[in-house]
Structure formats: structure tokens, C-alpha cells
N, C-alpha and C. Protein backbone atom coordinates (compact mmCIF):
# COMPACT_ATOMS: atom_id res chain seq x y z
N MET A 1 91.72 -89.35 110.00
CA MET A 1 91.13 -89.00 111.20
C MET A 1 92.06 -88.26 112.17
N SER A 2 93.30 -88.21 111.92
CA SER A 2 94.05 -87.53 112.58
C SER A 2 94.19 -85.91 112.56
N THR A 3 93.72 -85.68 111.31
CA THR A 3 93.54 -84.27 110.98
C THR A 3 92.10 -83.77 111.56
N PHE A 4 91.25 -84.43 111.68
CA PHE A 4 89.89 -84.05 112.31
C PHE A 4 90.50 -83.96 113.85
N LEU A 5 91.29 -84.50 114.62
CA LEU A 5 91.62 -84.51 115.90
C LEU A 5 92.43 -83.13 116.09
N GLN A 6 93.16 -82.99 115.02
CA GLN A 6 94.07 -81.72 115.24
C GLN A 6 93.33 -80.57 115.02
N GLN A 7 92.32 -80.55 114.21
CA GLN A 7 91.32 -79.42 114.01
C GLN A 7 90.58 -79.30 115.32
N VAL A 8 90.02 -80.24 116.18
CA VAL A 8 89.46 -80.31 117.44
C VAL A 8 90.29 -79.80 118.36
N LYS A 9 91.58 -80.04 118.36
CA LYS A 9 92.38 -79.35 119.46
C LYS A 9 92.78 -77.87 119.08
N LYS A 10 92.60 -77.53 118.01
CA LYS A 10 92.74 -76.00 117.73
C LYS A 10 91.42 -75.29 118.11
N LEU A 11 90.37 -75.81 118.22
CA LEU A 11 89.16 -75.24 118.38
C LEU A 11 88.74 -75.27 119.63
N TRP A 12 89.31 -76.08 120.76
CA TRP A 12 88.84 -76.12 122.09
C TRP A 12 88.98 -74.93 122.83
N PRO A 13 90.07 -74.04 122.59
CA PRO A 13 90.00 -72.77 123.29
C PRO A 13 88.68 -71.95 122.94
N ILE A 14 88.46 -71.77 121.81
CA ILE A 14 87.38 -70.89 121.37
C ILE A 14 85.98 -71.59 121.85
N ALA A 15 85.99 -72.86 122.04
CA ALA A 15 84.72 -73.40 122.67
C ALA A 15 84.55 -73.09 124.01
N ILE A 16 85.68 -73.12 124.90
CA ILE A 16 85.62 -72.69 126.23
C ILE A 16 85.55 -71.44 126.37
N LEU A 17 85.79 -70.40 125.44
CA LEU A 17 85.47 -68.92 125.48
C LEU A 17 83.93 -68.66 125.37
N LEU A 18 83.46 -69.41 124.23
CA LEU A 18 82.10 -69.35 123.92
C LEU A 18 81.24 -69.80 125.36
N LEU A 19 81.55 -70.90 125.80
CA LEU A 19 80.88 -71.54 126.82
C LEU A 19 80.98 -70.70 128.26
N SER A 20 81.99 -69.95 128.59
CA SER A 20 82.28 -69.26 129.62
C SER A 20 81.44 -67.81 129.34
N SER A 21 81.42 -67.37 128.24
CA SER A 21 80.73 -66.21 127.79
C SER A 21 79.15 -66.58 127.97
N ILE A 22 78.65 -67.59 127.69
CA ILE A 22 77.29 -67.86 127.81
C ILE A 22 76.93 -68.21 129.31
N LEU A 23 78.05 -68.74 130.03
CA LEU A 23 77.79 -68.81 131.53
C LEU A 23 77.61 -67.74 132.23
N LEU A 24 78.45 -66.63 131.82
CA LEU A 24 78.28 -65.28 132.39
C LEU A 24 76.88 -64.49 132.02
N LEU A 25 76.46 -64.74 130.90
CA LEU A 25 75.20 -64.16 130.34
C LEU A 25 73.91 -64.79 130.98
N ILE A 26 74.11 -65.84 131.54
CA ILE A 26 72.87 -66.64 132.06
C ILE A 26 72.09 -65.60 133.19
N PRO A 27 72.74 -65.15 134.21
CA PRO A 27 71.82 -64.19 134.83
C PRO A 27 70.99 -63.02 134.25
N PHE A 28 71.43 -62.47 133.05
CA PHE A 28 70.67 -61.70 132.26
C PHE A 28 69.38 -62.27 131.76
N PHE A 29 69.44 -63.51 131.34
CA PHE A 29 68.26 -64.30 130.82
C PHE A 29 67.36 -64.57 131.99
N LEU A 30 67.86 -65.06 132.89
CA LEU A 30 67.12 -65.61 134.14
C LEU A 30 66.51 -64.37 135.01
N ASN A 31 66.99 -63.26 135.05
CA ASN A 31 66.24 -62.19 135.63
C ASN A 31 65.53 -61.32 134.73
N HIS A 32 66.01 -61.29 133.40
CA HIS A 32 65.40 -60.65 132.22
C HIS A 32 65.54 -59.04 132.74
N ALA A 33 66.53 -58.65 133.21
CA ALA A 33 66.72 -57.45 133.69
C ALA A 33 68.13 -56.80 133.22
N MET A 34 68.29 -55.58 132.96
CA MET A 34 69.35 -54.82 132.52
C MET A 34 70.24 -54.44 133.72
N ILE A 35 71.43 -54.31 133.81
CA ILE A 35 72.30 -53.50 134.73
C ILE A 35 72.50 -52.17 134.41
N ILE A 36 71.72 -51.34 135.27
CA ILE A 36 71.95 -49.97 135.12
C ILE A 36 72.39 -49.17 136.25
N GLY A 37 73.82 -48.34 135.83
CA GLY A 37 74.52 -47.73 136.59
C GLY A 37 74.03 -46.37 136.75
N SER A 38 74.82 -45.53 137.47
CA SER A 38 74.40 -44.22 137.52
C SER A 38 74.48 -43.28 136.28
N ASP A 39 75.40 -43.61 135.51
CA ASP A 39 75.62 -42.94 134.28
C ASP A 39 75.17 -43.58 132.99
N ALA A 40 74.20 -44.68 133.17
CA ALA A 40 73.65 -45.36 132.02
C ALA A 40 72.98 -44.52 131.05
N ILE A 41 71.98 -43.57 131.67
CA ILE A 41 71.29 -42.85 130.59
C ILE A 41 72.10 -41.91 129.79
N PHE A 42 73.25 -41.54 130.34
CA PHE A 42 74.17 -40.68 129.55
C PHE A 42 74.79 -41.42 128.61
N HIS A 43 75.27 -42.80 128.84
CA HIS A 43 75.84 -43.38 127.59
C HIS A 43 74.73 -43.98 126.79
N PHE A 44 73.72 -44.22 127.20
CA PHE A 44 72.75 -44.67 126.32
C PHE A 44 72.37 -43.63 125.29
N ASN A 45 72.20 -42.26 125.76
CA ASN A 45 72.04 -41.36 124.90
C ASN A 45 73.26 -41.09 123.91
N ARG A 46 74.47 -41.35 124.34
CA ARG A 46 75.49 -41.19 123.46
C ARG A 46 75.58 -42.45 122.40
N LEU A 47 75.14 -43.52 122.95
CA LEU A 47 75.14 -44.47 121.82
C LEU A 47 73.93 -44.50 120.96
N TYR A 48 72.77 -43.93 121.63
CA TYR A 48 71.67 -43.70 120.36
C TYR A 48 71.91 -42.76 119.51
N ASP A 49 72.70 -41.56 119.87
CA ASP A 49 73.22 -40.54 118.85
C ASP A 49 74.13 -41.21 117.86
N THR A 50 74.97 -42.05 118.00
CA THR A 50 75.89 -42.66 117.19
C THR A 50 75.18 -43.53 116.33
N ALA A 51 74.03 -44.37 116.80
CA ALA A 51 73.37 -45.20 116.06
C ALA A 51 72.38 -44.62 115.11
N MET A 52 71.78 -43.35 115.51
CA MET A 52 70.95 -42.63 114.42
C MET A 52 71.89 -41.85 113.44
N GLN A 53 73.21 -41.68 113.86
CA GLN A 53 73.83 -40.97 112.94
C GLN A 53 74.41 -42.07 111.66
N ILE A 54 74.51 -43.32 112.10
CA ILE A 54 74.89 -44.44 111.08
C ILE A 54 73.60 -44.79 110.45
N LYS A 55 72.36 -44.80 110.87
CA LYS A 55 71.32 -45.03 110.21
C LYS A 55 70.87 -43.97 109.44
N HIS A 56 70.99 -42.78 109.58
CA HIS A 56 70.68 -41.63 108.71
C HIS A 56 71.84 -41.11 107.77
N GLY A 57 73.11 -41.46 108.16
CA GLY A 57 74.18 -41.00 107.17
C GLY A 57 74.59 -39.75 107.49
N ASN A 58 74.15 -39.22 108.69
CA ASN A 58 74.38 -37.90 108.84
C ASN A 58 75.45 -37.74 110.11
N PHE A 59 76.74 -37.90 109.74
CA PHE A 59 77.72 -38.14 110.63
C PHE A 59 78.35 -36.74 111.17
N GLN A 60 78.24 -36.40 112.51
CA GLN A 60 78.52 -35.33 113.28
C GLN A 60 79.53 -35.69 114.29
N TYR A 61 80.76 -35.61 114.08
CA TYR A 61 81.88 -36.09 114.90
C TYR A 61 81.70 -35.26 116.26
N PHE A 62 81.45 -34.15 116.45
CA PHE A 62 81.63 -33.38 117.61
C PHE A 62 80.30 -33.18 118.10
N ILE A 63 79.23 -32.91 117.40
CA ILE A 63 77.91 -32.55 118.14
C ILE A 63 76.91 -33.86 118.10
N SER A 64 75.92 -33.60 118.97
CA SER A 64 75.03 -34.69 119.17
C SER A 64 73.62 -34.19 118.64
N MET A 65 73.29 -34.72 117.51
CA MET A 65 72.04 -34.29 116.84
C MET A 65 70.98 -34.98 117.33
N TYR A 66 70.94 -36.27 117.68
CA TYR A 66 69.79 -37.05 118.03
C TYR A 66 69.61 -37.28 119.50
N GLY A 67 70.74 -37.56 120.01
CA GLY A 67 70.43 -37.86 121.66
C GLY A 67 70.71 -36.44 122.38
N PHE A 68 70.49 -36.71 123.65
CA PHE A 68 70.67 -35.36 124.62
C PHE A 68 69.64 -34.41 124.17
N GLN A 69 68.34 -34.83 123.81
CA GLN A 69 67.28 -33.80 123.38
C GLN A 69 67.94 -33.04 122.36
N SER A 70 68.54 -33.41 121.34
CA SER A 70 69.05 -32.73 120.07
C SER A 70 69.66 -31.34 120.58
N SER A 71 70.28 -31.37 121.71
CA SER A 71 71.13 -29.94 122.10
C SER A 71 72.31 -29.70 121.67
N GLY A 72 72.92 -30.53 120.87
CA GLY A 72 74.18 -30.26 120.34
C GLY A 72 75.40 -30.55 121.24
N ARG A 73 75.34 -31.15 122.19
CA ARG A 73 76.50 -31.40 123.29
C ARG A 73 77.67 -31.88 122.45
N ILE A 74 78.87 -31.64 122.75
CA ILE A 74 80.03 -32.34 122.42
C ILE A 74 80.36 -33.43 123.40
N VAL A 75 80.15 -34.60 123.11
CA VAL A 75 80.35 -35.66 123.96
C VAL A 75 81.09 -36.89 123.22
N ASN A 76 80.70 -37.40 122.15
CA ASN A 76 81.62 -38.48 121.64
C ASN A 76 83.10 -38.09 121.29
N ALA A 77 83.31 -36.82 120.97
CA ALA A 77 84.70 -36.44 120.77
C ALA A 77 85.57 -36.59 121.89
N LEU A 78 84.90 -36.53 123.30
CA LEU A 78 85.63 -36.67 124.54
C LEU A 78 85.78 -37.97 125.05
N TYR A 79 84.83 -38.96 124.64
CA TYR A 79 84.52 -40.35 125.20
C TYR A 79 85.13 -41.46 124.15
N GLY A 80 85.46 -40.92 123.10
CA GLY A 80 86.24 -41.83 122.06
C GLY A 80 85.23 -42.32 121.01
N PRO A 81 85.27 -41.60 119.80
CA PRO A 81 84.23 -41.90 118.93
C PRO A 81 84.08 -43.22 118.22
N PHE A 82 85.41 -43.77 118.05
CA PHE A 82 85.56 -44.97 117.35
C PHE A 82 84.67 -46.11 118.00
N MET A 83 85.08 -46.29 119.25
CA MET A 83 84.19 -47.28 120.03
C MET A 83 82.72 -46.88 120.07
N ALA A 84 82.39 -45.60 120.23
CA ALA A 84 80.92 -45.20 120.16
C ALA A 84 80.18 -45.82 118.96
N TYR A 85 80.82 -45.67 117.76
CA TYR A 85 80.30 -45.80 116.59
C TYR A 85 80.31 -47.61 116.46
N ILE A 86 81.12 -48.35 116.87
CA ILE A 86 80.93 -49.72 117.01
C ILE A 86 79.87 -50.07 117.74
N GLN A 87 79.58 -49.34 118.96
CA GLN A 87 78.66 -49.79 119.84
C GLN A 87 77.30 -49.17 119.30
N GLY A 88 77.40 -48.06 118.50
CA GLY A 88 76.04 -47.61 118.10
C GLY A 88 75.67 -48.71 116.73
N LEU A 89 76.48 -49.38 115.93
CA LEU A 89 76.07 -50.43 115.19
C LEU A 89 75.58 -51.50 115.96
N ILE A 90 75.95 -51.81 117.07
CA ILE A 90 75.35 -52.93 117.85
C ILE A 90 73.97 -52.21 118.27
N VAL A 91 73.88 -51.11 118.55
CA VAL A 91 72.51 -50.64 119.04
C VAL A 91 71.43 -50.92 117.77
N LEU A 92 72.02 -50.64 116.51
CA LEU A 92 71.06 -50.64 115.53
C LEU A 92 70.68 -52.14 115.13
N ILE A 93 71.56 -53.14 115.47
CA ILE A 93 71.24 -54.39 115.05
C ILE A 93 70.51 -55.18 116.22
N SER A 94 70.52 -54.51 117.24
CA SER A 94 69.92 -55.08 118.51
C SER A 94 68.22 -54.88 118.63
N PRO A 95 67.46 -55.89 119.00
CA PRO A 95 66.02 -55.58 119.06
C PRO A 95 65.56 -54.77 120.13
N SER A 96 66.33 -54.49 121.10
CA SER A 96 66.00 -53.73 122.31
C SER A 96 67.26 -53.29 123.00
N TRP A 97 66.99 -52.59 124.18
CA TRP A 97 68.05 -52.11 124.78
C TRP A 97 68.59 -53.32 125.67
N PHE A 98 67.84 -54.40 126.15
CA PHE A 98 68.06 -55.45 126.82
C PHE A 98 68.98 -56.14 125.76
N GLY A 99 68.67 -56.31 124.64
CA GLY A 99 69.26 -57.20 123.60
C GLY A 99 70.57 -56.54 123.43
N TYR A 100 70.68 -55.26 123.34
CA TYR A 100 72.15 -54.40 123.24
C TYR A 100 73.08 -54.98 124.29
N GLN A 101 72.39 -54.91 125.51
CA GLN A 101 73.32 -55.17 126.62
C GLN A 101 73.87 -56.56 126.63
N VAL A 102 72.97 -57.48 126.22
CA VAL A 102 73.28 -58.97 126.11
C VAL A 102 74.24 -59.16 125.25
N ILE A 103 74.20 -58.44 123.97
CA ILE A 103 75.21 -58.77 122.89
C ILE A 103 76.54 -58.04 123.10
N SER A 104 76.32 -56.97 123.69
CA SER A 104 77.60 -56.13 123.89
C SER A 104 78.40 -56.81 125.15
N ASN A 105 77.77 -57.28 126.18
CA ASN A 105 78.39 -58.02 127.19
C ASN A 105 79.03 -59.14 126.75
N GLY A 106 78.31 -60.03 125.81
CA GLY A 106 78.68 -61.20 125.38
C GLY A 106 80.05 -61.27 124.54
N ILE A 107 80.06 -60.02 123.85
CA ILE A 107 81.48 -59.63 123.13
C ILE A 107 82.46 -59.39 123.99
N LEU A 108 82.24 -58.58 125.00
CA LEU A 108 83.08 -58.33 126.23
C LEU A 108 83.66 -59.52 126.75
N TYR A 109 82.83 -60.18 127.03
CA TYR A 109 83.22 -61.42 127.99
C TYR A 109 84.05 -62.35 127.20
N PHE A 110 83.70 -62.47 125.76
CA PHE A 110 84.47 -63.39 124.94
C PHE A 110 85.80 -62.86 124.62
N PHE A 111 86.02 -61.56 124.35
CA PHE A 111 87.34 -60.82 124.12
C PHE A 111 88.12 -60.65 125.39
N LEU A 112 87.37 -60.52 126.64
CA LEU A 112 88.41 -60.34 127.88
C LEU A 112 88.88 -61.67 128.20
N ALA A 113 88.51 -62.67 127.77
CA ALA A 113 88.83 -64.27 128.22
C ALA A 113 89.86 -64.54 127.23
N CYS A 114 90.12 -63.85 125.97
CA CYS A 114 91.08 -64.30 124.91
C CYS A 114 92.57 -64.41 125.52
N PRO A 115 92.95 -63.28 126.23
CA PRO A 115 94.32 -63.37 126.58
C PRO A 115 94.72 -64.53 127.61
N CYS A 116 93.69 -65.03 128.32
CA CYS A 116 93.79 -65.94 129.32
C CYS A 116 94.09 -67.50 128.60
N ILE A 117 93.32 -67.47 127.50
CA ILE A 117 93.60 -68.72 126.83
C ILE A 117 94.63 -68.88 125.87
N PHE A 118 94.93 -67.73 125.16
CA PHE A 118 95.90 -67.85 124.19
C PHE A 118 97.41 -67.52 124.36
N PHE A 119 97.41 -66.96 125.77
CA PHE A 119 98.69 -66.37 126.06
C PHE A 119 99.21 -67.18 127.33
């Protein structure tokens, strides 16, 4: 029985992180609305482009072939392609842009609270 209690003691910080993340996501579900800023369309184009690159296997590091009306703009090279491809993968598994925002914000809330619990 003592090993069970030791395992529970190890997992309580993760449970607190999950509960706090869910608590912060409640307004999304109550309003069923996205948070849209002034540059949201720009970033949605950027992430859509990386999602389509992953989907089609046509990786273009410098130019945008799917977003920005296929204009060939150089965007992801300036804004960090590694995080863009991670976010593009989340866009691919999300059912909608609302789902994408809930998933990405949930991941963000969870990992932002980690240093507060573990350190």
C-alpha cells in the first residue's frame, strides 16, 4: 500500500497541471469562440502552409506554396520553422480551427505551469 501512496504523491503535480489547464480552457467551451488578434489571419496562413506541406510531403523551407494565396512569400524562415511545423502537425490532427486553438492553448497552459510546480 505504501508504494501506491508514493506513486500518488509523484503524480499530484501533473494532476494539478491538467486541472488548471482545463480550468483555463473552460471559457473557450462556454463561449464556443476563438480568440482572434490583429495578426491571426497571417499566422493561420503560415500554419496552414506548414500543415499542407506535411500532408503532401512537399517541404519548402523558404517559400509558402499553400498559404498566402500560393504567392511564394518567405515567412516561416523568419518566424521559426521548427515551431511552425509542430503547430502545423497540430492543425492536421485538429477537426477545425477552433479545435486547433483549444488543443494548442491546452498544451501551452500545461507546459507554462510546469516550472511553477517542478522547480
